[in-house]
């Protein structure tokens, strides 16, 4: 006996089921996808930024917006938004904006907006 011909809707459902099965197989048991190479690369980059920020702080230098964002665990756009609204202290030399972490943290504590 030959297999019955599936209509396009059934074929689409089969494809969806296959994709869902593959996605579930890729999950690591807790509902989250296992680390992909992109995720690993992003994590390495984030850790590198944090390490550079710590070294900058130890040297007594000022942080970049990206380093401050990593330290505060916020998006870099959030840092620039706060600069625009003048809700965090910053230093500007030409087009470059830098931050003193202690001043920013103290400012955020006073304003009750830490992150």
C-alpha atoms as a PDB file:
ATOM      1  CA  UNK A   1       0.000   0.000   0.000  1.00  0.00           C
ATOM      2  CA  UNK A   2       1.217   3.484  -0.746  1.00  0.00           C
ATOM      3  CA  UNK A   3       1.327   6.204   1.873  1.00  0.00           C
ATOM      4  CA  UNK A   4      -1.552   8.723   1.614  1.00  0.00           C
ATOM      5  CA  UNK A   5      -0.627  12.054   0.059  1.00  0.00           C
ATOM      6  CA  UNK A   6      -0.429  14.844   2.638  1.00  0.00           C
ATOM      7  CA  UNK A   7      -1.930  18.209   1.957  1.00  0.00           C
ATOM      8  CA  UNK A   8       0.275  21.339   2.276  1.00  0.00           C
ATOM      9  CA  UNK A   9      -1.087  22.084   5.729  1.00  0.00           C
ATOM     10  CA  UNK A  10      -0.024  18.641   7.033  1.00  0.00           C
ATOM     11  CA  UNK A  11       3.413  19.065   5.440  1.00  0.00           C
ATOM     12  CA  UNK A  12       3.817  22.429   7.189  1.00  0.00           C
ATOM     13  CA  UNK A  13       2.774  20.887  10.505  1.00  0.00           C
ATOM     14  CA  UNK A  14       5.360  18.139  10.031  1.00  0.00           C
ATOM     15  CA  UNK A  15       8.059  20.745   9.424  1.00  0.00           C
ATOM     16  CA  UNK A  16       7.013  22.688  12.518  1.00  0.00           C
ATOM     17  CA  UNK A  17       7.056  19.521  14.624  1.00  0.00           C
ATOM     18  CA  UNK A  18      10.553  18.727  13.381  1.00  0.00           C
ATOM     19  CA  UNK A  19      11.823  22.207  14.260  1.00  0.00           C
ATOM     20  CA  UNK A  20      10.216  22.070  17.703  1.00  0.00           C
ATOM     21  CA  UNK A  21      11.747  18.645  18.386  1.00  0.00           C
ATOM     22  CA  UNK A  22      15.181  19.949  17.372  1.00  0.00           C
ATOM     23  CA  UNK A  23      14.796  23.005  19.594  1.00  0.00           C
ATOM     24  CA  UNK A  24      13.708  20.884  22.542  1.00  0.00           C
ATOM     25  CA  UNK A  25      16.663  18.571  21.989  1.00  0.00           C
ATOM     26  CA  UNK A  26      18.969  21.609  22.082  1.00  0.00           C
ATOM     27  CA  UNK A  27      17.586  22.732  25.439  1.00  0.00           C
ATOM     28  CA  UNK A  28      19.744  21.984  28.449  1.00  0.00           C
ATOM     29  CA  UNK A  29      16.967  20.644  30.673  1.00  0.00           C
ATOM     30  CA  UNK A  30      15.896  23.884  32.345  1.00  0.00           C
ATOM     31  CA  UNK A  31      14.066  25.459  29.425  1.00  0.00           C
ATOM     32  CA  UNK A  32      17.041  27.493  28.276  1.00  0.00           C
ATOM     33  CA  UNK A  33      18.992  26.874  25.134  1.00  0.00           C
ATOM     34  CA  UNK A  34      22.458  25.491  25.634  1.00  0.00           C
ATOM     35  CA  UNK A  35      25.248  27.987  25.072  1.00  0.00           C
ATOM     36  CA  UNK A  36      25.829  28.567  21.417  1.00  0.00           C
ATOM     37  CA  UNK A  37      29.151  29.815  20.049  1.00  0.00           C
ATOM     38  CA  UNK A  38      27.599  33.280  19.709  1.00  0.00           C
ATOM     39  CA  UNK A  39      26.525  33.272  23.352  1.00  0.00           C
ATOM     40  CA  UNK A  40      29.970  32.122  24.446  1.00  0.00           C
ATOM     41  CA  UNK A  41      31.585  34.877  22.386  1.00  0.00           C
ATOM     42  CA  UNK A  42      29.241  37.494  23.865  1.00  0.00           C
ATOM     43  CA  UNK A  43      30.026  36.241  27.378  1.00  0.00           C
ATOM     44  CA  UNK A  44      33.785  36.376  26.724  1.00  0.00           C
ATOM     45  CA  UNK A  45      33.409  39.926  25.401  1.00  0.00           C
ATOM     46  CA  UNK A  46      31.361  40.994  28.444  1.00  0.00           C
ATOM     47  CA  UNK A  47      33.899  39.478  30.826  1.00  0.00           C
ATOM     48  CA  UNK A  48      36.703  41.220  28.949  1.00  0.00           C
ATOM     49  CA  UNK A  49      34.935  44.557  29.321  1.00  0.00           C
ATOM     50  CA  UNK A  50      34.464  43.939  33.056  1.00  0.00           C
ATOM     51  CA  UNK A  51      38.127  43.004  33.483  1.00  0.00           C
ATOM     52  CA  UNK A  52      39.212  46.149  31.634  1.00  0.00           C
ATOM     53  CA  UNK A  53      36.851  48.233  33.772  1.00  0.00           C
ATOM     54  CA  UNK A  54      38.270  46.791  36.983  1.00  0.00           C
ATOM     55  CA  UNK A  55      41.806  47.460  35.807  1.00  0.00           C
ATOM     56  CA  UNK A  56      40.803  51.017  34.886  1.00  0.00           C
ATOM     57  CA  UNK A  57      39.308  51.588  38.333  1.00  0.00           C
ATOM     58  CA  UNK A  58      42.378  50.169  40.070  1.00  0.00           C
ATOM     59  CA  UNK A  59      44.562  52.505  38.018  1.00  0.00           C
ATOM     60  CA  UNK A  60      42.394  55.444  39.090  1.00  0.00           C
ATOM     61  CA  UNK A  61      41.340  56.229  35.527  1.00  0.00           C
ATOM     62  CA  UNK A  62      37.874  57.025  34.235  1.00  0.00           C
ATOM     63  CA  UNK A  63      35.531  54.482  32.642  1.00  0.00           C
ATOM     64  CA  UNK A  64      34.045  54.494  29.174  1.00  0.00           C
ATOM     65  CA  UNK A  65      30.271  54.261  28.746  1.00  0.00           C
ATOM     66  CA  UNK A  66      30.620  50.607  27.743  1.00  0.00           C
ATOM     67  CA  UNK A  67      32.673  49.793  30.841  1.00  0.00           C
ATOM     68  CA  UNK A  68      30.260  51.669  33.105  1.00  0.00           C
ATOM     69  CA  UNK A  69      27.310  49.861  31.534  1.00  0.00           C
ATOM     70  CA  UNK A  70      29.010  46.515  32.216  1.00  0.00           C
ATOM     71  CA  UNK A  71      29.712  47.480  35.821  1.00  0.00           C
ATOM     72  CA  UNK A  72      26.127  48.646  36.410  1.00  0.00           C
ATOM     73  CA  UNK A  73      24.685  45.734  34.410  1.00  0.00           C
ATOM     74  CA  UNK A  74      22.668  48.025  32.183  1.00  0.00           C
ATOM     75  CA  UNK A  75      22.621  48.654  28.464  1.00  0.00           C
ATOM     76  CA  UNK A  76      25.110  51.181  27.067  1.00  0.00           C
ATOM     77  CA  UNK A  77      22.153  53.138  25.676  1.00  0.00           C
ATOM     78  CA  UNK A  78      20.886  53.538  29.256  1.00  0.00           C
ATOM     79  CA  UNK A  79      24.169  55.163  30.248  1.00  0.00           C
ATOM     80  CA  UNK A  80      23.986  57.612  27.335  1.00  0.00           C
ATOM     81  CA  UNK A  81      20.340  58.332  28.125  1.00  0.00           C
ATOM     82  CA  UNK A  82      21.306  59.239  31.700  1.00  0.00           C
ATOM     83  CA  UNK A  83      24.096  61.470  30.388  1.00  0.00           C
ATOM     84  CA  UNK A  84      21.624  63.233  28.102  1.00  0.00           C
ATOM     85  CA  UNK A  85      19.236  63.749  31.023  1.00  0.00           C
ATOM     86  CA  UNK A  86      22.209  64.737  33.239  1.00  0.00           C
ATOM     87  CA  UNK A  87      21.197  62.261  35.947  1.00  0.00           C
ATOM     88  CA  UNK A  88      24.709  60.838  36.359  1.00  0.00           C
ATOM     89  CA  UNK A  89      28.011  62.665  36.735  1.00  0.00           C
ATOM     90  CA  UNK A  90      30.389  62.482  33.795  1.00  0.00           C
ATOM     91  CA  UNK A  91      33.446  64.136  32.337  1.00  0.00           C
ATOM     92  CA  UNK A  92      33.627  65.272  28.753  1.00  0.00           C
ATOM     93  CA  UNK A  93      36.744  66.029  26.740  1.00  0.00           C
ATOM     94  CA  UNK A  94      35.695  66.951  23.243  1.00  0.00           C
ATOM     95  CA  UNK A  95      33.406  64.189  22.070  1.00  0.00           C
ATOM     96  CA  UNK A  96      34.661  61.674  24.633  1.00  0.00           C
ATOM     97  CA  UNK A  97      32.596  60.993  27.746  1.00  0.00           C
ATOM     98  CA  UNK A  98      34.114  59.271  30.775  1.00  0.00           C
ATOM     99  CA  UNK A  99      32.827  58.305  34.217  1.00  0.00           C
ATOM    100  CA  UNK A 100      34.159  57.925  37.749  1.00  0.00           C
ATOM    101  CA  UNK A 101      32.466  54.803  39.100  1.00  0.00           C
ATOM    102  CA  UNK A 102      32.436  56.013  42.714  1.00  0.00           C
ATOM    103  CA  UNK A 103      30.815  59.319  41.743  1.00  0.00           C
ATOM    104  CA  UNK A 104      28.203  57.541  39.626  1.00  0.00           C
ATOM    105  CA  UNK A 105      27.371  55.056  42.386  1.00  0.00           C
ATOM    106  CA  UNK A 106      27.096  57.827  44.977  1.00  0.00           C
ATOM    107  CA  UNK A 107      24.865  59.837  42.657  1.00  0.00           C
ATOM    108  CA  UNK A 108      22.635  56.828  42.041  1.00  0.00           C
ATOM    109  CA  UNK A 109      22.381  56.116  45.776  1.00  0.00           C
ATOM    110  CA  UNK A 110      21.339  59.717  46.443  1.00  0.00           C
ATOM    111  CA  UNK A 111      18.737  59.572  43.667  1.00  0.00           C
ATOM    112  CA  UNK A 112      17.571  56.106  44.703  1.00  0.00           C
ATOM    113  CA  UNK A 113      18.167  54.788  41.184  1.00  0.00           C
ATOM    114  CA  UNK A 114      20.951  52.225  41.321  1.00  0.00           C
ATOM    115  CA  UNK A 115      20.719  50.453  37.916  1.00  0.00           C
END
